[in-house]
């Protein structure tokens, strides 16, 4: 294996189904594996028949974390990194998706860490890419945001490609933060450790950032808990550290 794509998922059955149909259309190299970390879904993702569309997806695996606590992305990602067979990790979330060109850039990546820029887009029921404004509005993308920023979405620390050895040199994600008030800051703290490694000359982040896509949801639609079509999990994402504004 050359690249492991690690996606943590909680209850996002339809979002995952669309992702799998999309992956099945890409004809990716055989040495890319896709690890779906089932982060406590009820029912488990592997038991839902519609999770397995009629398409050929090589090296696709669904692993249950069997962790029923809230906000357990840290242990889910660490488990994905542990069981991955490739020297490079492509970490992502279920509300993000990748077109083939971005995945191939990660596939060919041979440095320490690469981040990504994001635009808004969706996958339709047949796994086809859509980013027209009519579709984005139907998904609830805030009109004021569209007027000010168009289809641009802010970057996020939760999506990156990294050498697996470096991931563990940085200690992986802090699992002891599970159970703390949301947000637990595990992603920003992990990025902070990487930045210190860069400052100390122990790591390098490439300046090039391929484009990936973000499904409109949450604060991008005017409410931190906005759940388009019920496709996301139902855990509250309101940031209690900032007065519950969901920022």
C-alpha atoms as a PDB file:
ATOM      1  CA  UNK A   1       0.000   0.000   0.000  1.00  0.00           C
ATOM      2  CA  UNK A   2       1.117   3.563  -0.717  1.00  0.00           C
ATOM      3  CA  UNK A   3      -1.720   5.681   0.722  1.00  0.00           C
ATOM      4  CA  UNK A   4      -4.328   5.039   3.431  1.00  0.00           C
ATOM      5  CA  UNK A   5      -7.446   7.225   3.342  1.00  0.00           C
ATOM      6  CA  UNK A   6      -8.855   7.335   6.891  1.00  0.00           C
ATOM      7  CA  UNK A   7     -12.443   8.585   7.338  1.00  0.00           C
ATOM      8  CA  UNK A   8     -14.202   8.617  10.707  1.00  0.00           C
ATOM      9  CA  UNK A   9     -18.011   8.373  10.495  1.00  0.00           C
ATOM     10  CA  UNK A  10     -20.823   8.574  13.032  1.00  0.00           C
ATOM     11  CA  UNK A  11     -24.321   7.691  11.765  1.00  0.00           C
ATOM     12  CA  UNK A  12     -23.831   9.454   8.406  1.00  0.00           C
ATOM     13  CA  UNK A  13     -25.289   6.565   6.430  1.00  0.00           C
ATOM     14  CA  UNK A  14     -26.455   8.462   3.341  1.00  0.00           C
ATOM     15  CA  UNK A  15     -23.410  10.735   3.282  1.00  0.00           C
ATOM     16  CA  UNK A  16     -21.183   7.673   3.375  1.00  0.00           C
ATOM     17  CA  UNK A  17     -23.216   5.895   0.685  1.00  0.00           C
ATOM     18  CA  UNK A  18     -22.693   8.843  -1.659  1.00  0.00           C
ATOM     19  CA  UNK A  19     -18.992   8.890  -0.839  1.00  0.00           C
ATOM     20  CA  UNK A  20     -18.647   5.195  -1.638  1.00  0.00           C
ATOM     21  CA  UNK A  21     -20.435   5.590  -4.972  1.00  0.00           C
ATOM     22  CA  UNK A  22     -18.106   8.506  -5.722  1.00  0.00           C
ATOM     23  CA  UNK A  23     -15.012   6.465  -4.809  1.00  0.00           C
ATOM     24  CA  UNK A  24     -16.233   3.622  -6.990  1.00  0.00           C
ATOM     25  CA  UNK A  25     -16.223   5.869 -10.061  1.00  0.00           C
ATOM     26  CA  UNK A  26     -12.633   7.067  -9.654  1.00  0.00           C
ATOM     27  CA  UNK A  27     -10.622   3.992 -10.716  1.00  0.00           C
ATOM     28  CA  UNK A  28      -7.976   4.652  -8.079  1.00  0.00           C
ATOM     29  CA  UNK A  29      -4.625   2.814  -8.005  1.00  0.00           C
ATOM     30  CA  UNK A  30      -4.703  -0.595  -6.355  1.00  0.00           C
ATOM     31  CA  UNK A  31      -2.247   0.479  -3.641  1.00  0.00           C
ATOM     32  CA  UNK A  32      -4.699   2.960  -2.092  1.00  0.00           C
ATOM     33  CA  UNK A  33      -6.812   1.665   0.793  1.00  0.00           C
ATOM     34  CA  UNK A  34      -9.930   3.306   2.237  1.00  0.00           C
ATOM     35  CA  UNK A  35     -10.478   2.818   5.964  1.00  0.00           C
ATOM     36  CA  UNK A  36     -13.928   3.783   7.236  1.00  0.00           C
ATOM     37  CA  UNK A  37     -13.730   4.132  11.015  1.00  0.00           C
ATOM     38  CA  UNK A  38     -17.244   3.538  12.357  1.00  0.00           C
ATOM     39  CA  UNK A  39     -17.198   5.825  15.374  1.00  0.00           C
ATOM     40  CA  UNK A  40     -20.087   4.260  17.313  1.00  0.00           C
ATOM     41  CA  UNK A  41     -22.864   4.356  14.687  1.00  0.00           C
ATOM     42  CA  UNK A  42     -26.235   2.870  15.648  1.00  0.00           C
ATOM     43  CA  UNK A  43     -26.827   0.591  13.820  1.00  0.00           C
ATOM     44  CA  UNK A  44     -23.203  -0.155  12.872  1.00  0.00           C
ATOM     45  CA  UNK A  45     -22.343   0.916   9.343  1.00  0.00           C
ATOM     46  CA  UNK A  46     -21.303  -2.590   8.283  1.00  0.00           C
ATOM     47  CA  UNK A  47     -24.805  -3.867   9.075  1.00  0.00           C
ATOM     48  CA  UNK A  48     -26.594  -1.369   6.829  1.00  0.00           C
ATOM     49  CA  UNK A  49     -27.075  -2.948   3.352  1.00  0.00           C
ATOM     50  CA  UNK A  50     -27.185   0.355   1.492  1.00  0.00           C
ATOM     51  CA  UNK A  51     -23.578   1.029   2.537  1.00  0.00           C
ATOM     52  CA  UNK A  52     -22.425  -1.316  -0.200  1.00  0.00           C
ATOM     53  CA  UNK A  53     -23.347   0.200  -3.579  1.00  0.00           C
ATOM     54  CA  UNK A  54     -23.016  -1.709  -6.837  1.00  0.00           C
ATOM     55  CA  UNK A  55     -19.550  -0.444  -7.675  1.00  0.00           C
ATOM     56  CA  UNK A  56     -16.030  -1.812  -7.558  1.00  0.00           C
ATOM     57  CA  UNK A  57     -14.067  -0.299  -4.654  1.00  0.00           C
ATOM     58  CA  UNK A  58     -10.724  -1.941  -4.061  1.00  0.00           C
ATOM     59  CA  UNK A  59      -9.290  -2.179  -0.557  1.00  0.00           C
ATOM     60  CA  UNK A  60     -12.321  -0.739   1.240  1.00  0.00           C
ATOM     61  CA  UNK A  61     -12.645  -1.671   4.902  1.00  0.00           C
ATOM     62  CA  UNK A  62     -15.130  -0.676   7.590  1.00  0.00           C
ATOM     63  CA  UNK A  63     -13.788  -0.929  11.146  1.00  0.00           C
ATOM     64  CA  UNK A  64     -16.048  -0.423  14.189  1.00  0.00           C
ATOM     65  CA  UNK A  65     -14.354   1.478  17.014  1.00  0.00           C
ATOM     66  CA  UNK A  66     -17.024   0.155  19.413  1.00  0.00           C
ATOM     67  CA  UNK A  67     -16.682   3.427  21.323  1.00  0.00           C
ATOM     68  CA  UNK A  68     -20.057   4.866  22.346  1.00  0.00           C
ATOM     69  CA  UNK A  69     -18.732   8.038  23.976  1.00  0.00           C
ATOM     70  CA  UNK A  70     -19.382  11.407  22.326  1.00  0.00           C
ATOM     71  CA  UNK A  71     -16.753  13.076  20.147  1.00  0.00           C
ATOM     72  CA  UNK A  72     -14.278  10.213  19.832  1.00  0.00           C
ATOM     73  CA  UNK A  73     -12.557  11.288  16.615  1.00  0.00           C
ATOM     74  CA  UNK A  74      -9.153  11.096  18.368  1.00  0.00           C
ATOM     75  CA  UNK A  75      -9.229   7.354  19.119  1.00  0.00           C
ATOM     76  CA  UNK A  76     -10.945   6.683  15.776  1.00  0.00           C
ATOM     77  CA  UNK A  77      -8.184   8.414  13.828  1.00  0.00           C
ATOM     78  CA  UNK A  78      -5.455   6.806  15.919  1.00  0.00           C
ATOM     79  CA  UNK A  79      -6.960   3.367  15.325  1.00  0.00           C
ATOM     80  CA  UNK A  80      -7.086   4.086  11.602  1.00  0.00           C
ATOM     81  CA  UNK A  81      -3.420   5.101  11.648  1.00  0.00           C
ATOM     82  CA  UNK A  82      -2.471   1.958  13.574  1.00  0.00           C
ATOM     83  CA  UNK A  83      -4.178  -0.489  11.239  1.00  0.00           C
ATOM     84  CA  UNK A  84      -3.240   1.340   8.027  1.00  0.00           C
ATOM     85  CA  UNK A  85      -0.839  -0.481   5.742  1.00  0.00           C
ATOM     86  CA  UNK A  86       0.579   2.537   3.906  1.00  0.00           C
ATOM     87  CA  UNK A  87       3.422   4.938   4.789  1.00  0.00           C
ATOM     88  CA  UNK A  88       1.176   7.953   4.139  1.00  0.00           C
ATOM     89  CA  UNK A  89      -2.123   8.883   5.756  1.00  0.00           C
ATOM     90  CA  UNK A  90      -4.864  10.981   4.169  1.00  0.00           C
ATOM     91  CA  UNK A  91      -7.004  12.049   7.134  1.00  0.00           C
ATOM     92  CA  UNK A  92     -10.479  13.383   6.401  1.00  0.00           C
ATOM     93  CA  UNK A  93     -14.058  13.610   7.681  1.00  0.00           C
ATOM     94  CA  UNK A  94     -17.329  12.420   6.165  1.00  0.00           C
ATOM     95  CA  UNK A  95     -18.517  15.969   5.318  1.00  0.00           C
ATOM     96  CA  UNK A  96     -15.460  16.466   3.096  1.00  0.00           C
ATOM     97  CA  UNK A  97     -14.879  14.802  -0.239  1.00  0.00           C
ATOM     98  CA  UNK A  98     -12.080  14.541  -2.742  1.00  0.00           C
ATOM     99  CA  UNK A  99     -12.036  14.541  -6.491  1.00  0.00           C
ATOM    100  CA  UNK A 100      -9.585  12.214  -8.146  1.00  0.00           C
ATOM    101  CA  UNK A 101      -6.952  14.864  -8.904  1.00  0.00           C
ATOM    102  CA  UNK A 102      -6.601  15.787  -5.216  1.00  0.00           C
ATOM    103  CA  UNK A 103      -6.378  12.139  -4.156  1.00  0.00           C
ATOM    104  CA  UNK A 104      -3.682  11.543  -6.765  1.00  0.00           C
ATOM    105  CA  UNK A 105      -1.701  14.500  -5.448  1.00  0.00           C
ATOM    106  CA  UNK A 106      -1.829  12.896  -2.001  1.00  0.00           C
ATOM    107  CA  UNK A 107      -0.925   9.553  -3.592  1.00  0.00           C
ATOM    108  CA  UNK A 108       2.193  11.072  -5.168  1.00  0.00           C
ATOM    109  CA  UNK A 109       3.111  13.139  -2.097  1.00  0.00           C
ATOM    110  CA  UNK A 110       6.525  12.271  -0.620  1.00  0.00           C
ATOM    111  CA  UNK A 111       7.181  14.957   2.002  1.00  0.00           C
ATOM    112  CA  UNK A 112       6.049  15.478   5.615  1.00  0.00           C
ATOM    113  CA  UNK A 113       2.633  17.144   5.626  1.00  0.00           C
ATOM    114  CA  UNK A 114       0.302  18.713   3.075  1.00  0.00           C
ATOM    115  CA  UNK A 115      -2.834  20.685   3.903  1.00  0.00           C
ATOM    116  CA  UNK A 116      -5.749  21.473   1.585  1.00  0.00           C
ATOM    117  CA  UNK A 117      -7.865  24.428   0.556  1.00  0.00           C
ATOM    118  CA  UNK A 118     -11.631  23.921   0.541  1.00  0.00           C
ATOM    119  CA  UNK A 119     -14.557  24.983  -1.596  1.00  0.00           C
ATOM    120  CA  UNK A 120     -18.198  24.080  -1.105  1.00  0.00           C
ATOM    121  CA  UNK A 121     -19.670  21.291  -3.187  1.00  0.00           C
ATOM    122  CA  UNK A 122     -21.864  18.214  -2.826  1.00  0.00           C
ATOM    123  CA  UNK A 123     -22.219  14.698  -4.146  1.00  0.00           C
ATOM    124  CA  UNK A 124     -25.686  13.957  -5.483  1.00  0.00           C
ATOM    125  CA  UNK A 125     -27.524  10.669  -4.903  1.00  0.00           C
ATOM    126  CA  UNK A 126     -25.580   9.057  -7.767  1.00  0.00           C
ATOM    127  CA  UNK A 127     -22.203  10.190  -6.413  1.00  0.00           C
ATOM    128  CA  UNK A 128     -21.792  12.958  -9.011  1.00  0.00           C
ATOM    129  CA  UNK A 129     -20.048  16.227  -8.170  1.00  0.00           C
ATOM    130  CA  UNK A 130     -22.211  19.366  -8.003  1.00  0.00           C
ATOM    131  CA  UNK A 131     -21.194  22.883  -7.021  1.00  0.00           C
ATOM    132  CA  UNK A 132     -23.767  25.109  -8.737  1.00  0.00           C
ATOM    133  CA  UNK A 133     -25.267  27.754  -6.491  1.00  0.00           C
ATOM    134  CA  UNK A 134     -28.777  26.380  -6.806  1.00  0.00           C
ATOM    135  CA  UNK A 135     -27.610  23.074  -5.312  1.00  0.00           C
ATOM    136  CA  UNK A 136     -25.533  24.728  -2.601  1.00  0.00           C
ATOM    137  CA  UNK A 137     -28.515  26.883  -1.592  1.00  0.00           C
ATOM    138  CA  UNK A 138     -30.718  23.785  -1.469  1.00  0.00           C
ATOM    139  CA  UNK A 139     -28.258  22.344   1.015  1.00  0.00           C
ATOM    140  CA  UNK A 140     -28.642  25.495   3.109  1.00  0.00           C
ATOM    141  CA  UNK A 141     -25.423  27.390   2.379  1.00  0.00           C
ATOM    142  CA  UNK A 142     -25.840  30.829   3.922  1.00  0.00           C
ATOM    143  CA  UNK A 143     -26.772  33.497   1.355  1.00  0.00           C
ATOM    144  CA  UNK A 144     -24.654  36.192   3.017  1.00  0.00           C
ATOM    145  CA  UNK A 145     -21.645  33.868   2.902  1.00  0.00           C
ATOM    146  CA  UNK A 146     -22.247  33.250  -0.798  1.00  0.00           C
ATOM    147  CA  UNK A 147     -22.388  37.007  -1.472  1.00  0.00           C
ATOM    148  CA  UNK A 148     -19.169  37.701   0.449  1.00  0.00           C
ATOM    149  CA  UNK A 149     -17.072  34.617  -0.288  1.00  0.00           C
ATOM    150  CA  UNK A 150     -18.664  32.770  -3.169  1.00  0.00           C
ATOM    151  CA  UNK A 151     -17.960  29.039  -2.979  1.00  0.00           C
ATOM    152  CA  UNK A 152     -14.820  29.368  -0.841  1.00  0.00           C
ATOM    153  CA  UNK A 153     -14.787  27.506   2.471  1.00  0.00           C
ATOM    154  CA  UNK A 154     -12.262  28.166   5.255  1.00  0.00           C
ATOM    155  CA  UNK A 155      -9.340  25.742   5.697  1.00  0.00           C
ATOM    156  CA  UNK A 156      -9.514  23.274   8.551  1.00  0.00           C
ATOM    157  CA  UNK A 157      -6.957  21.296  10.560  1.00  0.00           C
ATOM    158  CA  UNK A 158      -8.990  18.074  10.222  1.00  0.00           C
ATOM    159  CA  UNK A 159      -7.919  17.314   6.643  1.00  0.00           C
ATOM    160  CA  UNK A 160      -4.293  16.632   5.751  1.00  0.00           C
ATOM    161  CA  UNK A 161      -1.872  14.185   4.183  1.00  0.00           C
ATOM    162  CA  UNK A 162       1.043  13.161   6.409  1.00  0.00           C
ATOM    163  CA  UNK A 163       3.839  10.681   6.726  1.00  0.00           C
ATOM    164  CA  UNK A 164       2.597   7.999   9.126  1.00  0.00           C
ATOM    165  CA  UNK A 165       5.902   7.933  10.998  1.00  0.00           C
ATOM    166  CA  UNK A 166       5.605  11.678  11.611  1.00  0.00           C
ATOM    167  CA  UNK A 167       2.004  11.254  12.798  1.00  0.00           C
ATOM    168  CA  UNK A 168       3.237   9.001  15.591  1.00  0.00           C
ATOM    169  CA  UNK A 169       6.367  11.073  16.261  1.00  0.00           C
ATOM    170  CA  UNK A 170       3.927  13.882  17.083  1.00  0.00           C
ATOM    171  CA  UNK A 171       2.059  11.530  19.435  1.00  0.00           C
ATOM    172  CA  UNK A 172      -1.054  11.068  17.317  1.00  0.00           C
ATOM    173  CA  UNK A 173      -4.309  12.602  18.538  1.00  0.00           C
ATOM    174  CA  UNK A 174      -4.742  13.096  22.297  1.00  0.00           C
ATOM    175  CA  UNK A 175      -7.269  10.477  23.347  1.00  0.00           C
ATOM    176  CA  UNK A 176      -7.388  11.732  26.936  1.00  0.00           C
ATOM    177  CA  UNK A 177      -9.347  14.767  25.764  1.00  0.00           C
ATOM    178  CA  UNK A 178     -12.407  12.634  24.985  1.00  0.00           C
ATOM    179  CA  UNK A 179     -15.125  13.628  27.433  1.00  0.00           C
ATOM    180  CA  UNK A 180     -14.052  17.249  27.712  1.00  0.00           C
ATOM    181  CA  UNK A 181     -16.438  20.033  26.747  1.00  0.00           C
ATOM    182  CA  UNK A 182     -16.834  20.422  22.979  1.00  0.00           C
ATOM    183  CA  UNK A 183     -14.723  21.410  21.154  1.00  0.00           C
ATOM    184  CA  UNK A 184     -12.002  19.265  22.690  1.00  0.00           C
ATOM    185  CA  UNK A 185      -9.333  21.011  20.587  1.00  0.00           C
ATOM    186  CA  UNK A 186      -7.564  17.741  19.757  1.00  0.00           C
ATOM    187  CA  UNK A 187      -7.144  18.730  16.112  1.00  0.00           C
ATOM    188  CA  UNK A 188      -5.723  22.202  16.751  1.00  0.00           C
ATOM    189  CA  UNK A 189      -3.409  20.809  19.442  1.00  0.00           C
ATOM    190  CA  UNK A 190      -2.120  18.171  17.030  1.00  0.00           C
ATOM    191  CA  UNK A 191      -1.512  20.892  14.419  1.00  0.00           C
ATOM    192  CA  UNK A 192       0.245  22.958  17.108  1.00  0.00           C
ATOM    193  CA  UNK A 193       2.692  20.119  17.763  1.00  0.00           C
ATOM    194  CA  UNK A 194       3.381  19.902  14.055  1.00  0.00           C
ATOM    195  CA  UNK A 195       4.052  23.645  13.880  1.00  0.00           C
ATOM    196  CA  UNK A 196       6.554  23.341  16.718  1.00  0.00           C
ATOM    197  CA  UNK A 197       8.270  20.525  14.843  1.00  0.00           C
ATOM    198  CA  UNK A 198       8.517  22.826  11.804  1.00  0.00           C
ATOM    199  CA  UNK A 199       9.961  25.636  13.936  1.00  0.00           C
ATOM    200  CA  UNK A 200      12.540  23.222  15.337  1.00  0.00           C
ATOM    201  CA  UNK A 201      13.525  22.062  11.855  1.00  0.00           C
ATOM    202  CA  UNK A 202      12.150  18.549  12.383  1.00  0.00           C
ATOM    203  CA  UNK A 203       9.380  18.704   9.779  1.00  0.00           C
ATOM    204  CA  UNK A 204       8.343  20.600   6.661  1.00  0.00           C
ATOM    205  CA  UNK A 205       4.866  21.475   5.388  1.00  0.00           C
ATOM    206  CA  UNK A 206       4.542  21.864   1.654  1.00  0.00           C
ATOM    207  CA  UNK A 207       3.088  25.210   0.580  1.00  0.00           C
ATOM    208  CA  UNK A 208       1.028  23.706  -2.230  1.00  0.00           C
ATOM    209  CA  UNK A 209      -2.567  23.009  -1.179  1.00  0.00           C
ATOM    210  CA  UNK A 210      -4.790  20.932  -3.474  1.00  0.00           C
ATOM    211  CA  UNK A 211      -8.503  21.698  -3.617  1.00  0.00           C
ATOM    212  CA  UNK A 212     -11.033  19.544  -1.773  1.00  0.00           C
ATOM    213  CA  UNK A 213     -14.748  20.052  -1.167  1.00  0.00           C
ATOM    214  CA  UNK A 214     -16.970  20.617   1.849  1.00  0.00           C
ATOM    215  CA  UNK A 215     -20.641  19.666   2.064  1.00  0.00           C
ATOM    216  CA  UNK A 216     -22.579  22.705   3.401  1.00  0.00           C
ATOM    217  CA  UNK A 217     -23.684  22.057   6.979  1.00  0.00           C
ATOM    218  CA  UNK A 218     -23.526  23.527  10.463  1.00  0.00           C
ATOM    219  CA  UNK A 219     -22.330  27.083  10.899  1.00  0.00           C
ATOM    220  CA  UNK A 220     -21.900  27.504   7.150  1.00  0.00           C
ATOM    221  CA  UNK A 221     -25.684  27.351   6.985  1.00  0.00           C
ATOM    222  CA  UNK A 222     -26.258  29.750   9.878  1.00  0.00           C
ATOM    223  CA  UNK A 223     -26.578  27.273  12.760  1.00  0.00           C
ATOM    224  CA  UNK A 224     -23.809  25.116  14.251  1.00  0.00           C
ATOM    225  CA  UNK A 225     -26.209  22.173  14.437  1.00  0.00           C
ATOM    226  CA  UNK A 226     -27.748  22.560  10.972  1.00  0.00           C
ATOM    227  CA  UNK A 227     -28.016  19.044   9.544  1.00  0.00           C
ATOM    228  CA  UNK A 228     -28.949  19.089   5.829  1.00  0.00           C
ATOM    229  CA  UNK A 229     -31.491  16.375   5.027  1.00  0.00           C
ATOM    230  CA  UNK A 230     -30.540  14.620   8.278  1.00  0.00           C
ATOM    231  CA  UNK A 231     -27.382  13.224   6.645  1.00  0.00           C
ATOM    232  CA  UNK A 232     -25.048  14.076   9.556  1.00  0.00           C
ATOM    233  CA  UNK A 233     -24.779  12.837  13.115  1.00  0.00           C
ATOM    234  CA  UNK A 234     -26.908  14.590  15.756  1.00  0.00           C
ATOM    235  CA  UNK A 235     -24.229  15.526  18.311  1.00  0.00           C
ATOM    236  CA  UNK A 236     -24.384  19.235  19.095  1.00  0.00           C
ATOM    237  CA  UNK A 237     -21.530  21.244  17.606  1.00  0.00           C
ATOM    238  CA  UNK A 238     -22.291  24.469  19.441  1.00  0.00           C
ATOM    239  CA  UNK A 239     -19.033  25.818  20.827  1.00  0.00           C
ATOM    240  CA  UNK A 240     -19.778  26.298  24.509  1.00  0.00           C
ATOM    241  CA  UNK A 241     -16.404  27.964  24.958  1.00  0.00           C
ATOM    242  CA  UNK A 242     -17.737  30.896  22.906  1.00  0.00           C
ATOM    243  CA  UNK A 243     -21.202  31.349  24.287  1.00  0.00           C
ATOM    244  CA  UNK A 244     -22.786  28.611  22.189  1.00  0.00           C
ATOM    245  CA  UNK A 245     -22.490  30.526  18.927  1.00  0.00           C
ATOM    246  CA  UNK A 246     -21.079  27.525  17.103  1.00  0.00           C
ATOM    247  CA  UNK A 247     -18.015  29.343  15.830  1.00  0.00           C
END
